[in-house]
Amino acid sequence: MTPARSNRLRVALGIIALVGLLFVFVFPTRTWLDQRRQTREVEEQIELFRAENAKLQEEQARLRSDAAVERLARERFNLVKPGEEAYVIVPPPTTTTAPAAPEGGEGQDG
């Protein structure tokens, strides 16, 4: 074997070894880092859901009383108990000034 051919063979083997190392170490490491990032994101979402769940449990506990249910029924749905009268305050109508009708009987048969 000539020295030039021997050097080319060593370079080729070195490149093959380098590519092999990339497949063995770099690509799995990148996948592992992506999975770690995704895990952090999911854990943050879980914390948000836990906080929301705690709020909803507090609201559920508050709504267990008859007074709270009655208050919501009156506020949101305008419900009244039998025998009570409900009143609605209506805002005054807004008046707009319409243009005056033209004089001279335009469009009138006379």
PDB file of N, CA and C in Angstrom:
ATOM      1  N   MET A   1       0.833  -1.166   0.000  1.00  0.00           N
ATOM      2  CA  MET A   1       0.000   0.000   0.000  1.00  0.00           C
ATOM      3  C   MET A   1       0.883   1.237   0.000  1.00  0.00           C
ATOM      4  N   THR A   2       0.469   2.213  -0.772  1.00  0.00           N
ATOM      5  CA  THR A   2       1.250   3.443  -0.847  1.00  0.00           C
ATOM      6  C   THR A   2       0.874   4.331   0.321  1.00  0.00           C
ATOM      7  N   PRO A   3       1.790   5.230   0.698  1.00  0.00           N
ATOM      8  CA  PRO A   3       1.493   6.106   1.840  1.00  0.00           C
ATOM      9  C   PRO A   3       0.292   7.010   1.583  1.00  0.00           C
ATOM     10  N   ALA A   4       0.079   7.470   0.357  1.00  0.00           N
ATOM     11  CA  ALA A   4      -1.060   8.346   0.072  1.00  0.00           C
ATOM     12  C   ALA A   4      -2.371   7.573   0.249  1.00  0.00           C
ATOM     13  N   ARG A   5      -2.356   6.337  -0.228  1.00  0.00           N
ATOM     14  CA  ARG A   5      -3.563   5.510  -0.094  1.00  0.00           C
ATOM     15  C   ARG A   5      -3.813   5.173   1.363  1.00  0.00           C
ATOM     16  N   SER A   6      -2.794   4.951   2.103  1.00  0.00           N
ATOM     17  CA  SER A   6      -2.904   4.655   3.530  1.00  0.00           C
ATOM     18  C   SER A   6      -3.486   5.862   4.268  1.00  0.00           C
ATOM     19  N   ASN A   7      -3.033   7.079   3.899  1.00  0.00           N
ATOM     20  CA  ASN A   7      -3.554   8.291   4.535  1.00  0.00           C
ATOM     21  C   ASN A   7      -5.040   8.485   4.214  1.00  0.00           C
ATOM     22  N   ARG A   8      -5.418   8.224   2.957  1.00  0.00           N
ATOM     23  CA  ARG A   8      -6.830   8.356   2.569  1.00  0.00           C
ATOM     24  C   ARG A   8      -7.695   7.363   3.332  1.00  0.00           C
ATOM     25  N   LEU A   9      -7.173   6.170   3.529  1.00  0.00           N
ATOM     26  CA  LEU A   9      -7.918   5.156   4.275  1.00  0.00           C
ATOM     27  C   LEU A   9      -8.101   5.590   5.726  1.00  0.00           C
ATOM     28  N   ARG A  10      -7.067   6.167   6.312  1.00  0.00           N
ATOM     29  CA  ARG A  10      -7.169   6.637   7.701  1.00  0.00           C
ATOM     30  C   ARG A  10      -8.180   7.783   7.811  1.00  0.00           C
ATOM     31  N   VAL A  11      -8.147   8.709   6.835  1.00  0.00           N
ATOM     32  CA  VAL A  11      -9.094   9.830   6.847  1.00  0.00           C
ATOM     33  C   VAL A  11     -10.519   9.309   6.705  1.00  0.00           C
ATOM     34  N   ALA A  12     -10.708   8.354   5.798  1.00  0.00           N
ATOM     35  CA  ALA A  12     -12.046   7.788   5.598  1.00  0.00           C
ATOM     36  C   ALA A  12     -12.518   7.085   6.862  1.00  0.00           C
ATOM     37  N   LEU A  13     -11.652   6.321   7.501  1.00  0.00           N
ATOM     38  CA  LEU A  13     -12.020   5.644   8.748  1.00  0.00           C
ATOM     39  C   LEU A  13     -12.311   6.672   9.855  1.00  0.00           C
ATOM     40  N   GLY A  14     -11.547   7.743   9.877  1.00  0.00           N
ATOM     41  CA  GLY A  14     -11.777   8.801  10.866  1.00  0.00           C
ATOM     42  C   GLY A  14     -13.140   9.458  10.663  1.00  0.00           C
ATOM     43  N   ILE A  15     -13.490   9.721   9.400  1.00  0.00           N
ATOM     44  CA  ILE A  15     -14.798  10.329   9.105  1.00  0.00           C
ATOM     45  C   ILE A  15     -15.920   9.382   9.496  1.00  0.00           C
ATOM     46  N   ILE A  16     -15.741   8.112   9.176  1.00  0.00           N
ATOM     47  CA  ILE A  16     -16.757   7.119   9.539  1.00  0.00           C
ATOM     48  C   ILE A  16     -16.892   7.044  11.061  1.00  0.00           C
ATOM     49  N   ALA A  17     -15.793   7.083  11.770  1.00  0.00           N
ATOM     50  CA  ALA A  17     -15.840   7.047  13.232  1.00  0.00           C
ATOM     51  C   ALA A  17     -16.524   8.295  13.782  1.00  0.00           C
ATOM     52  N   LEU A  18     -16.234   9.449  13.175  1.00  0.00           N
ATOM     53  CA  LEU A  18     -16.855  10.695  13.620  1.00  0.00           C
ATOM     54  C   LEU A  18     -18.366  10.664  13.409  1.00  0.00           C
ATOM     55  N   VAL A  19     -18.798  10.208  12.249  1.00  0.00           N
ATOM     56  CA  VAL A  19     -20.238  10.098  11.981  1.00  0.00           C
ATOM     57  C   VAL A  19     -20.875   9.102  12.944  1.00  0.00           C
ATOM     58  N   GLY A  20     -20.192   8.023  13.216  1.00  0.00           N
ATOM     59  CA  GLY A  20     -20.697   7.049  14.179  1.00  0.00           C
ATOM     60  C   GLY A  20     -20.857   7.660  15.560  1.00  0.00           C
ATOM     61  N   LEU A  21     -19.880   8.458  15.981  1.00  0.00           N
ATOM     62  CA  LEU A  21     -19.979   9.128  17.283  1.00  0.00           C
ATOM     63  C   LEU A  21     -21.149  10.112  17.309  1.00  0.00           C
ATOM     64  N   LEU A  22     -21.369  10.800  16.187  1.00  0.00           N
ATOM     65  CA  LEU A  22     -22.516  11.712  16.120  1.00  0.00           C
ATOM     66  C   LEU A  22     -23.817  10.949  16.328  1.00  0.00           C
ATOM     67  N   PHE A  23     -23.968   9.816  15.664  1.00  0.00           N
ATOM     68  CA  PHE A  23     -25.188   9.029  15.824  1.00  0.00           C
ATOM     69  C   PHE A  23     -25.324   8.476  17.229  1.00  0.00           C
ATOM     70  N   VAL A  24     -24.207   8.119  17.837  1.00  0.00           N
ATOM     71  CA  VAL A  24     -24.261   7.502  19.161  1.00  0.00           C
ATOM     72  C   VAL A  24     -24.485   8.525  20.264  1.00  0.00           C
ATOM     73  N   PHE A  25     -23.886   9.718  20.160  1.00  0.00           N
ATOM     74  CA  PHE A  25     -23.942  10.669  21.268  1.00  0.00           C
ATOM     75  C   PHE A  25     -24.769  11.926  20.991  1.00  0.00           C
ATOM     76  N   VAL A  26     -24.565  12.574  19.874  1.00  0.00           N
ATOM     77  CA  VAL A  26     -25.180  13.878  19.640  1.00  0.00           C
ATOM     78  C   VAL A  26     -26.681  13.768  19.426  1.00  0.00           C
ATOM     79  N   PHE A  27     -27.124  12.909  18.545  1.00  0.00           N
ATOM     80  CA  PHE A  27     -28.544  12.820  18.251  1.00  0.00           C
ATOM     81  C   PHE A  27     -29.362  12.358  19.464  1.00  0.00           C
ATOM     82  N   PRO A  28     -28.921  11.347  20.206  1.00  0.00           N
ATOM     83  CA  PRO A  28     -29.685  10.990  21.412  1.00  0.00           C
ATOM     84  C   PRO A  28     -29.676  12.112  22.462  1.00  0.00           C
ATOM     85  N   THR A  29     -28.562  12.834  22.558  1.00  0.00           N
ATOM     86  CA  THR A  29     -28.497  13.935  23.518  1.00  0.00           C
ATOM     87  C   THR A  29     -29.481  15.026  23.131  1.00  0.00           C
ATOM     88  N   ARG A  30     -29.566  15.310  21.852  1.00  0.00           N
ATOM     89  CA  ARG A  30     -30.518  16.321  21.384  1.00  0.00           C
ATOM     90  C   ARG A  30     -31.955  15.885  21.678  1.00  0.00           C
ATOM     91  N   THR A  31     -32.257  14.636  21.432  1.00  0.00           N
ATOM     92  CA  THR A  31     -33.588  14.107  21.730  1.00  0.00           C
ATOM     93  C   THR A  31     -33.863  14.193  23.223  1.00  0.00           C
ATOM     94  N   TRP A  32     -32.888  13.866  24.026  1.00  0.00           N
ATOM     95  CA  TRP A  32     -33.043  13.924  25.483  1.00  0.00           C
ATOM     96  C   TRP A  32     -33.312  15.359  25.933  1.00  0.00           C
ATOM     97  N   LEU A  33     -32.594  16.325  25.364  1.00  0.00           N
ATOM     98  CA  LEU A  33     -32.810  17.724  25.733  1.00  0.00           C
ATOM     99  C   LEU A  33     -34.205  18.195  25.311  1.00  0.00           C
ATOM    100  N   ASP A  34     -34.668  17.771  24.138  1.00  0.00           N
ATOM    101  CA  ASP A  34     -36.028  18.111  23.700  1.00  0.00           C
ATOM    102  C   ASP A  34     -37.063  17.522  24.654  1.00  0.00           C
ATOM    103  N   GLN A  35     -36.845  16.290  25.063  1.00  0.00           N
ATOM    104  CA  GLN A  35     -37.778  15.657  25.991  1.00  0.00           C
ATOM    105  C   GLN A  35     -37.778  16.365  27.348  1.00  0.00           C
ATOM    106  N   ARG A  36     -36.630  16.823  27.779  1.00  0.00           N
ATOM    107  CA  ARG A  36     -36.548  17.576  29.047  1.00  0.00           C
ATOM    108  C   ARG A  36     -37.335  18.871  28.950  1.00  0.00           C
ATOM    109  N   ARG A  37     -37.206  19.569  27.822  1.00  0.00           N
ATOM    110  CA  ARG A  37     -37.946  20.818  27.611  1.00  0.00           C
ATOM    111  C   ARG A  37     -39.445  20.556  27.620  1.00  0.00           C
ATOM    112  N   GLN A  38     -39.863  19.513  26.914  1.00  0.00           N
ATOM    113  CA  GLN A  38     -41.280  19.171  26.878  1.00  0.00           C
ATOM    114  C   GLN A  38     -41.792  18.798  28.269  1.00  0.00           C
ATOM    115  N   THR A  39     -40.985  18.097  29.028  1.00  0.00           N
ATOM    116  CA  THR A  39     -41.370  17.724  30.384  1.00  0.00           C
ATOM    117  C   THR A  39     -41.567  18.957  31.249  1.00  0.00           C
ATOM    118  N   ARG A  40     -40.677  19.940  31.131  1.00  0.00           N
ATOM    119  CA  ARG A  40     -40.823  21.195  31.895  1.00  0.00           C
ATOM    120  C   ARG A  40     -42.109  21.911  31.522  1.00  0.00           C
ATOM    121  N   GLU A  41     -42.403  21.968  30.229  1.00  0.00           N
ATOM    122  CA  GLU A  41     -43.624  22.635  29.776  1.00  0.00           C
ATOM    123  C   GLU A  41     -44.870  21.948  30.325  1.00  0.00           C
ATOM    124  N   VAL A  42     -44.870  20.625  30.304  1.00  0.00           N
ATOM    125  CA  VAL A  42     -46.020  19.886  30.815  1.00  0.00           C
ATOM    126  C   VAL A  42     -46.143  20.081  32.327  1.00  0.00           C
ATOM    127  N   GLU A  43     -45.033  20.111  33.038  1.00  0.00           N
ATOM    128  CA  GLU A  43     -45.086  20.333  34.477  1.00  0.00           C
ATOM    129  C   GLU A  43     -45.639  21.724  34.798  1.00  0.00           C
ATOM    130  N   GLU A  44     -45.299  22.730  33.979  1.00  0.00           N
ATOM    131  CA  GLU A  44     -45.852  24.070  34.176  1.00  0.00           C
ATOM    132  C   GLU A  44     -47.359  24.071  33.945  1.00  0.00           C
ATOM    133  N   GLN A  45     -47.793  23.352  32.925  1.00  0.00           N
ATOM    134  CA  GLN A  45     -49.230  23.255  32.660  1.00  0.00           C
ATOM    135  C   GLN A  45     -49.948  22.564  33.813  1.00  0.00           C
ATOM    136  N   ILE A  46     -49.323  21.528  34.360  1.00  0.00           N
ATOM    137  CA  ILE A  46     -49.921  20.811  35.489  1.00  0.00           C
ATOM    138  C   ILE A  46     -50.080  21.757  36.673  1.00  0.00           C
ATOM    139  N   GLU A  47     -49.092  22.595  36.922  1.00  0.00           N
ATOM    140  CA  GLU A  47     -49.184  23.557  38.026  1.00  0.00           C
ATOM    141  C   GLU A  47     -50.325  24.542  37.797  1.00  0.00           C
ATOM    142  N   LEU A  48     -50.487  25.006  36.552  1.00  0.00           N
ATOM    143  CA  LEU A  48     -51.601  25.907  36.248  1.00  0.00           C
ATOM    144  C   LEU A  48     -52.933  25.210  36.480  1.00  0.00           C
ATOM    145  N   PHE A  49     -53.034  23.955  36.064  1.00  0.00           N
ATOM    146  CA  PHE A  49     -54.270  23.207  36.262  1.00  0.00           C
ATOM    147  C   PHE A  49     -54.540  22.981  37.750  1.00  0.00           C
ATOM    148  N   ARG A  50     -53.501  22.744  38.517  1.00  0.00           N
ATOM    149  CA  ARG A  50     -53.687  22.561  39.965  1.00  0.00           C
ATOM    150  C   ARG A  50     -54.191  23.847  40.618  1.00  0.00           C
ATOM    151  N   ALA A  51     -53.632  24.971  40.209  1.00  0.00           N
ATOM    152  CA  ALA A  51     -54.083  26.255  40.759  1.00  0.00           C
ATOM    153  C   ALA A  51     -55.538  26.515  40.379  1.00  0.00           C
ATOM    154  N   GLU A  52     -55.881  26.260  39.129  1.00  0.00           N
ATOM    155  CA  GLU A  52     -57.264  26.445  38.676  1.00  0.00           C
ATOM    156  C   GLU A  52     -58.203  25.498  39.413  1.00  0.00           C
ATOM    157  N   ASN A  53     -57.754  24.282  39.624  1.00  0.00           N
ATOM    158  CA  ASN A  53     -58.559  23.300  40.346  1.00  0.00           C
ATOM    159  C   ASN A  53     -58.810  23.763  41.780  1.00  0.00           C
ATOM    160  N   ALA A  54     -57.790  24.320  42.418  1.00  0.00           N
ATOM    161  CA  ALA A  54     -57.957  24.816  43.788  1.00  0.00           C
ATOM    162  C   ALA A  54     -58.983  25.946  43.828  1.00  0.00           C
ATOM    163  N   LYS A  55     -58.926  26.853  42.836  1.00  0.00           N
ATOM    164  CA  LYS A  55     -59.914  27.943  42.774  1.00  0.00           C
ATOM    165  C   LYS A  55     -61.323  27.393  42.605  1.00  0.00           C
ATOM    166  N   LEU A  56     -61.458  26.417  41.722  1.00  0.00           N
ATOM    167  CA  LEU A  56     -62.784  25.840  41.476  1.00  0.00           C
ATOM    168  C   LEU A  56     -63.309  25.094  42.702  1.00  0.00           C
ATOM    169  N   GLN A  57     -62.431  24.456  43.448  1.00  0.00           N
ATOM    170  CA  GLN A  57     -62.861  23.771  44.672  1.00  0.00           C
ATOM    171  C   GLN A  57     -63.324  24.776  45.724  1.00  0.00           C
ATOM    172  N   GLU A  58     -62.629  25.927  45.805  1.00  0.00           N
ATOM    173  CA  GLU A  58     -63.066  26.977  46.730  1.00  0.00           C
ATOM    174  C   GLU A  58     -64.438  27.501  46.332  1.00  0.00           C
ATOM    175  N   GLU A  59     -64.643  27.718  45.034  1.00  0.00           N
ATOM    176  CA  GLU A  59     -65.940  28.205  44.574  1.00  0.00           C
ATOM    177  C   GLU A  59     -67.028  27.172  44.833  1.00  0.00           C
ATOM    178  N   GLN A  60     -66.708  25.910  44.651  1.00  0.00           N
ATOM    179  CA  GLN A  60     -67.668  24.845  44.917  1.00  0.00           C
ATOM    180  C   GLN A  60     -68.071  24.843  46.390  1.00  0.00           C
ATOM    181  N   ALA A  61     -67.095  25.013  47.260  1.00  0.00           N
ATOM    182  CA  ALA A  61     -67.393  25.038  48.693  1.00  0.00           C
ATOM    183  C   ALA A  61     -68.273  26.239  49.033  1.00  0.00           C
ATOM    184  N   ARG A  62     -68.010  27.386  48.384  1.00  0.00           N
ATOM    185  CA  ARG A  62     -68.820  28.585  48.627  1.00  0.00           C
ATOM    186  C   ARG A  62     -70.252  28.391  48.155  1.00  0.00           C
ATOM    187  N   LEU A  63     -70.430  27.673  47.052  1.00  0.00           N
ATOM    188  CA  LEU A  63     -71.760  27.506  46.469  1.00  0.00           C
ATOM    189  C   LEU A  63     -72.589  26.420  47.142  1.00  0.00           C
ATOM    190  N   ARG A  64     -72.062  25.794  48.138  1.00  0.00           N
ATOM    191  CA  ARG A  64     -72.830  24.759  48.837  1.00  0.00           C
ATOM    192  C   ARG A  64     -73.896  25.351  49.743  1.00  0.00           C
ATOM    193  N   SER A  65     -73.816  26.632  50.037  1.00  0.00           N
ATOM    194  CA  SER A  65     -74.814  27.246  50.914  1.00  0.00           C
ATOM    195  C   SER A  65     -76.003  27.715  50.086  1.00  0.00           C
ATOM    196  N   ASP A  66     -77.176  27.660  50.693  1.00  0.00           N
ATOM    197  CA  ASP A  66     -78.396  28.103  50.008  1.00  0.00           C
ATOM    198  C   ASP A  66     -78.340  29.595  49.714  1.00  0.00           C
ATOM    199  N   ALA A  67     -77.740  30.365  50.596  1.00  0.00           N
ATOM    200  CA  ALA A  67     -77.667  31.815  50.396  1.00  0.00           C
ATOM    201  C   ALA A  67     -76.859  32.145  49.141  1.00  0.00           C
ATOM    202  N   ALA A  68     -75.774  31.434  48.907  1.00  0.00           N
ATOM    203  CA  ALA A  68     -74.957  31.702  47.719  1.00  0.00           C
ATOM    204  C   ALA A  68     -75.707  31.324  46.448  1.00  0.00           C
ATOM    205  N   VAL A  69     -76.411  30.208  46.484  1.00  0.00           N
ATOM    206  CA  VAL A  69     -77.179  29.782  45.311  1.00  0.00           C
ATOM    207  C   VAL A  69     -78.291  30.791  45.030  1.00  0.00           C
ATOM    208  N   GLU A  70     -78.961  31.260  46.084  1.00  0.00           N
ATOM    209  CA  GLU A  70     -80.026  32.250  45.902  1.00  0.00           C
ATOM    210  C   GLU A  70     -79.471  33.551  45.328  1.00  0.00           C
ATOM    211  N   ARG A  71     -78.338  33.990  45.844  1.00  0.00           N
ATOM    212  CA  ARG A  71     -77.725  35.224  45.352  1.00  0.00           C
ATOM    213  C   ARG A  71     -77.404  35.100  43.861  1.00  0.00           C
ATOM    214  N   LEU A  72     -76.813  33.977  43.455  1.00  0.00           N
ATOM    215  CA  LEU A  72     -76.490  33.783  42.034  1.00  0.00           C
ATOM    216  C   LEU A  72     -77.748  33.713  41.174  1.00  0.00           C
ATOM    217  N   ALA A  73     -78.785  33.057  41.677  1.00  0.00           N
ATOM    218  CA  ALA A  73     -80.027  32.950  40.911  1.00  0.00           C
ATOM    219  C   ALA A  73     -80.644  34.330  40.703  1.00  0.00           C
ATOM    220  N   ARG A  74     -80.555  35.176  41.710  1.00  0.00           N
ATOM    221  CA  ARG A  74     -81.123  36.519  41.590  1.00  0.00           C
ATOM    222  C   ARG A  74     -80.260  37.399  40.671  1.00  0.00           C
ATOM    223  N   GLU A  75     -78.932  37.316  40.823  1.00  0.00           N
ATOM    224  CA  GLU A  75     -78.037  38.183  40.049  1.00  0.00           C
ATOM    225  C   GLU A  75     -77.967  37.779  38.581  1.00  0.00           C
ATOM    226  N   ARG A  76     -77.718  36.514  38.335  1.00  0.00           N
ATOM    227  CA  ARG A  76     -77.457  36.071  36.962  1.00  0.00           C
ATOM    228  C   ARG A  76     -78.730  35.794  36.160  1.00  0.00           C
ATOM    229  N   PHE A  77     -79.755  35.285  36.836  1.00  0.00           N
ATOM    230  CA  PHE A  77     -80.923  34.824  36.098  1.00  0.00           C
ATOM    231  C   PHE A  77     -82.187  35.629  36.409  1.00  0.00           C
ATOM    232  N   ASN A  78     -82.052  36.637  37.266  1.00  0.00           N
ATOM    233  CA  ASN A  78     -83.173  37.504  37.630  1.00  0.00           C
ATOM    234  C   ASN A  78     -84.369  36.712  38.151  1.00  0.00           C
ATOM    235  N   LEU A  79     -84.101  35.679  38.921  1.00  0.00           N
ATOM    236  CA  LEU A  79     -85.173  34.868  39.486  1.00  0.00           C
ATOM    237  C   LEU A  79     -85.675  35.494  40.784  1.00  0.00           C
ATOM    238  N   VAL A  80     -86.938  35.237  41.097  1.00  0.00           N
ATOM    239  CA  VAL A  80     -87.534  35.708  42.350  1.00  0.00           C
ATOM    240  C   VAL A  80     -88.247  34.538  43.009  1.00  0.00           C
ATOM    241  N   LYS A  81     -88.464  34.672  44.305  1.00  0.00           N
ATOM    242  CA  LYS A  81     -89.194  33.641  45.027  1.00  0.00           C
ATOM    243  C   LYS A  81     -90.684  33.793  44.741  1.00  0.00           C
ATOM    244  N   PRO A  82     -91.448  32.730  44.929  1.00  0.00           N
ATOM    245  CA  PRO A  82     -92.900  32.842  44.741  1.00  0.00           C
ATOM    246  C   PRO A  82     -93.466  33.914  45.669  1.00  0.00           C
ATOM    247  N   GLY A  83     -94.322  34.749  45.129  1.00  0.00           N
ATOM    248  CA  GLY A  83     -94.935  35.816  45.905  1.00  0.00           C
ATOM    249  C   GLY A  83     -94.183  37.134  45.812  1.00  0.00           C
ATOM    250  N   GLU A  84     -92.948  37.118  45.356  1.00  0.00           N
ATOM    251  CA  GLU A  84     -92.187  38.354  45.186  1.00  0.00           C
ATOM    252  C   GLU A  84     -92.485  38.947  43.816  1.00  0.00           C
ATOM    253  N   GLU A  85     -92.319  40.242  43.714  1.00  0.00           N
ATOM    254  CA  GLU A  85     -92.509  40.910  42.438  1.00  0.00           C
ATOM    255  C   GLU A  85     -91.158  41.402  41.936  1.00  0.00           C
ATOM    256  N   ALA A  86     -90.918  41.191  40.663  1.00  0.00           N
ATOM    257  CA  ALA A  86     -89.663  41.632  40.073  1.00  0.00           C
ATOM    258  C   ALA A  86     -89.907  42.922  39.307  1.00  0.00           C
ATOM    259  N   TYR A  87     -89.017  43.868  39.489  1.00  0.00           N
ATOM    260  CA  TYR A  87     -89.088  45.139  38.768  1.00  0.00           C
ATOM    261  C   TYR A  87     -87.828  45.299  37.942  1.00  0.00           C
ATOM    262  N   VAL A  88     -88.000  45.857  36.766  1.00  0.00           N
ATOM    263  CA  VAL A  88     -86.866  46.121  35.894  1.00  0.00           C
ATOM    264  C   VAL A  88     -86.827  47.612  35.640  1.00  0.00           C
ATOM    265  N   ILE A  89     -85.697  48.205  35.866  1.00  0.00           N
ATOM    266  CA  ILE A  89     -85.531  49.626  35.596  1.00  0.00           C
ATOM    267  C   ILE A  89     -85.016  49.765  34.178  1.00  0.00           C
ATOM    268  N   VAL A  90     -85.831  50.394  33.360  1.00  0.00           N
ATOM    269  CA  VAL A  90     -85.504  50.546  31.945  1.00  0.00           C
ATOM    270  C   VAL A  90     -84.931  51.941  31.749  1.00  0.00           C
ATOM    271  N   PRO A  91     -83.830  52.070  31.046  1.00  0.00           N
ATOM    272  CA  PRO A  91     -83.267  53.400  30.817  1.00  0.00           C
ATOM    273  C   PRO A  91     -84.198  54.209  29.909  1.00  0.00           C
ATOM    274  N   PRO A  92     -84.181  55.519  30.068  1.00  0.00           N
ATOM    275  CA  PRO A  92     -85.059  56.339  29.231  1.00  0.00           C
ATOM    276  C   PRO A  92     -84.662  56.215  27.766  1.00  0.00           C
ATOM    277  N   PRO A  93     -85.646  56.292  26.887  1.00  0.00           N
ATOM    278  CA  PRO A  93     -85.314  56.161  25.462  1.00  0.00           C
ATOM    279  C   PRO A  93     -84.520  57.363  24.993  1.00  0.00           C
ATOM    280  N   THR A  94     -83.612  57.097  24.109  1.00  0.00           N
ATOM    281  CA  THR A  94     -82.830  58.198  23.546  1.00  0.00           C
ATOM    282  C   THR A  94     -83.606  58.767  22.378  1.00  0.00           C
ATOM    283  N   THR A  95     -83.727  60.072  22.361  1.00  0.00           N
ATOM    284  CA  THR A  95     -84.479  60.711  21.281  1.00  0.00           C
ATOM    285  C   THR A  95     -83.501  61.274  20.271  1.00  0.00           C
ATOM    286  N   THR A  96     -83.816  61.038  19.040  1.00  0.00           N
ATOM    287  CA  THR A  96     -83.003  61.606  17.973  1.00  0.00           C
ATOM    288  C   THR A  96     -83.877  62.580  17.210  1.00  0.00           C
ATOM    289  N   THR A  97     -83.296  63.635  16.792  1.00  0.00           N
ATOM    290  CA  THR A  97     -84.039  64.640  16.047  1.00  0.00           C
ATOM    291  C   THR A  97     -84.062  64.233  14.591  1.00  0.00           C
ATOM    292  N   ALA A  98     -85.283  63.985  14.103  1.00  0.00           N
ATOM    293  CA  ALA A  98     -85.431  63.608  12.698  1.00  0.00           C
ATOM    294  C   ALA A  98     -85.508  64.874  11.866  1.00  0.00           C
ATOM    295  N   PRO A  99     -85.000  64.834  10.650  1.00  0.00           N
ATOM    296  CA  PRO A  99     -85.087  66.028   9.803  1.00  0.00           C
ATOM    297  C   PRO A  99     -86.555  66.355   9.520  1.00  0.00           C
ATOM    298  N   ALA A 100     -86.848  67.631   9.464  1.00  0.00           N
ATOM    299  CA  ALA A 100     -88.219  68.080   9.228  1.00  0.00           C
ATOM    300  C   ALA A 100     -88.664  67.689   7.819  1.00  0.00           C
ATOM    301  N   ALA A 101     -89.940  67.379   7.696  1.00  0.00           N
ATOM    302  CA  ALA A 101     -90.484  67.022   6.382  1.00  0.00           C
ATOM    303  C   ALA A 101     -90.510  68.273   5.522  1.00  0.00           C
ATOM    304  N   PRO A 102     -90.182  68.146   4.269  1.00  0.00           N
ATOM    305  CA  PRO A 102     -90.163  69.328   3.395  1.00  0.00           C
ATOM    306  C   PRO A 102     -91.589  69.863   3.179  1.00  0.00           C
ATOM    307  N   GLU A 103     -91.670  71.147   3.182  1.00  0.00           N
ATOM    308  CA  GLU A 103     -92.973  71.767   2.934  1.00  0.00           C
ATOM    309  C   GLU A 103     -93.204  71.856   1.446  1.00  0.00           C
ATOM    310  N   GLY A 104     -94.405  71.992   1.055  1.00  0.00           N
ATOM    311  CA  GLY A 104     -94.713  72.124  -0.351  1.00  0.00           C
ATOM    312  C   GLY A 104     -95.360  70.882  -0.903  1.00  0.00           C
ATOM    313  N   GLY A 105     -95.584  69.899  -0.085  1.00  0.00           N
ATOM    314  CA  GLY A 105     -96.340  68.733  -0.491  1.00  0.00           C
ATOM    315  C   GLY A 105     -95.637  67.841  -1.475  1.00  0.00           C
ATOM    316  N   GLU A 106     -94.367  67.707  -1.341  1.00  0.00           N
ATOM    317  CA  GLU A 106     -93.651  66.813  -2.245  1.00  0.00           C
ATOM    318  C   GLU A 106     -94.169  65.395  -2.062  1.00  0.00           C
ATOM    319  N   GLY A 107     -94.569  64.751  -3.097  1.00  0.00           N
ATOM    320  CA  GLY A 107     -95.031  63.381  -3.025  1.00  0.00           C
ATOM    321  C   GLY A 107     -96.473  63.276  -2.596  1.00  0.00           C
ATOM    322  N   GLN A 108     -97.174  64.388  -2.440  1.00  0.00           N
ATOM    323  CA  GLN A 108     -98.571  64.329  -2.043  1.00  0.00           C
ATOM    324  C   GLN A 108     -99.455  64.670  -3.232  1.00  0.00           C
ATOM    325  N   ASP A 109    -100.555  64.011  -3.315  1.00  0.00           N
ATOM    326  CA  ASP A 109    -101.538  64.336  -4.367  1.00  0.00           C
ATOM    327  C   ASP A 109    -102.494  65.353  -3.812  1.00  0.00           C
ATOM    328  N   GLY A 110    -102.711  66.366  -4.542  1.00  0.00           N
ATOM    329  CA  GLY A 110    -103.471  67.390  -3.946  1.00  0.00           C
ATOM    330  C   GLY A 110    -104.684  67.805  -4.533  1.00  0.00           C
TER     331      GLY A 110
END
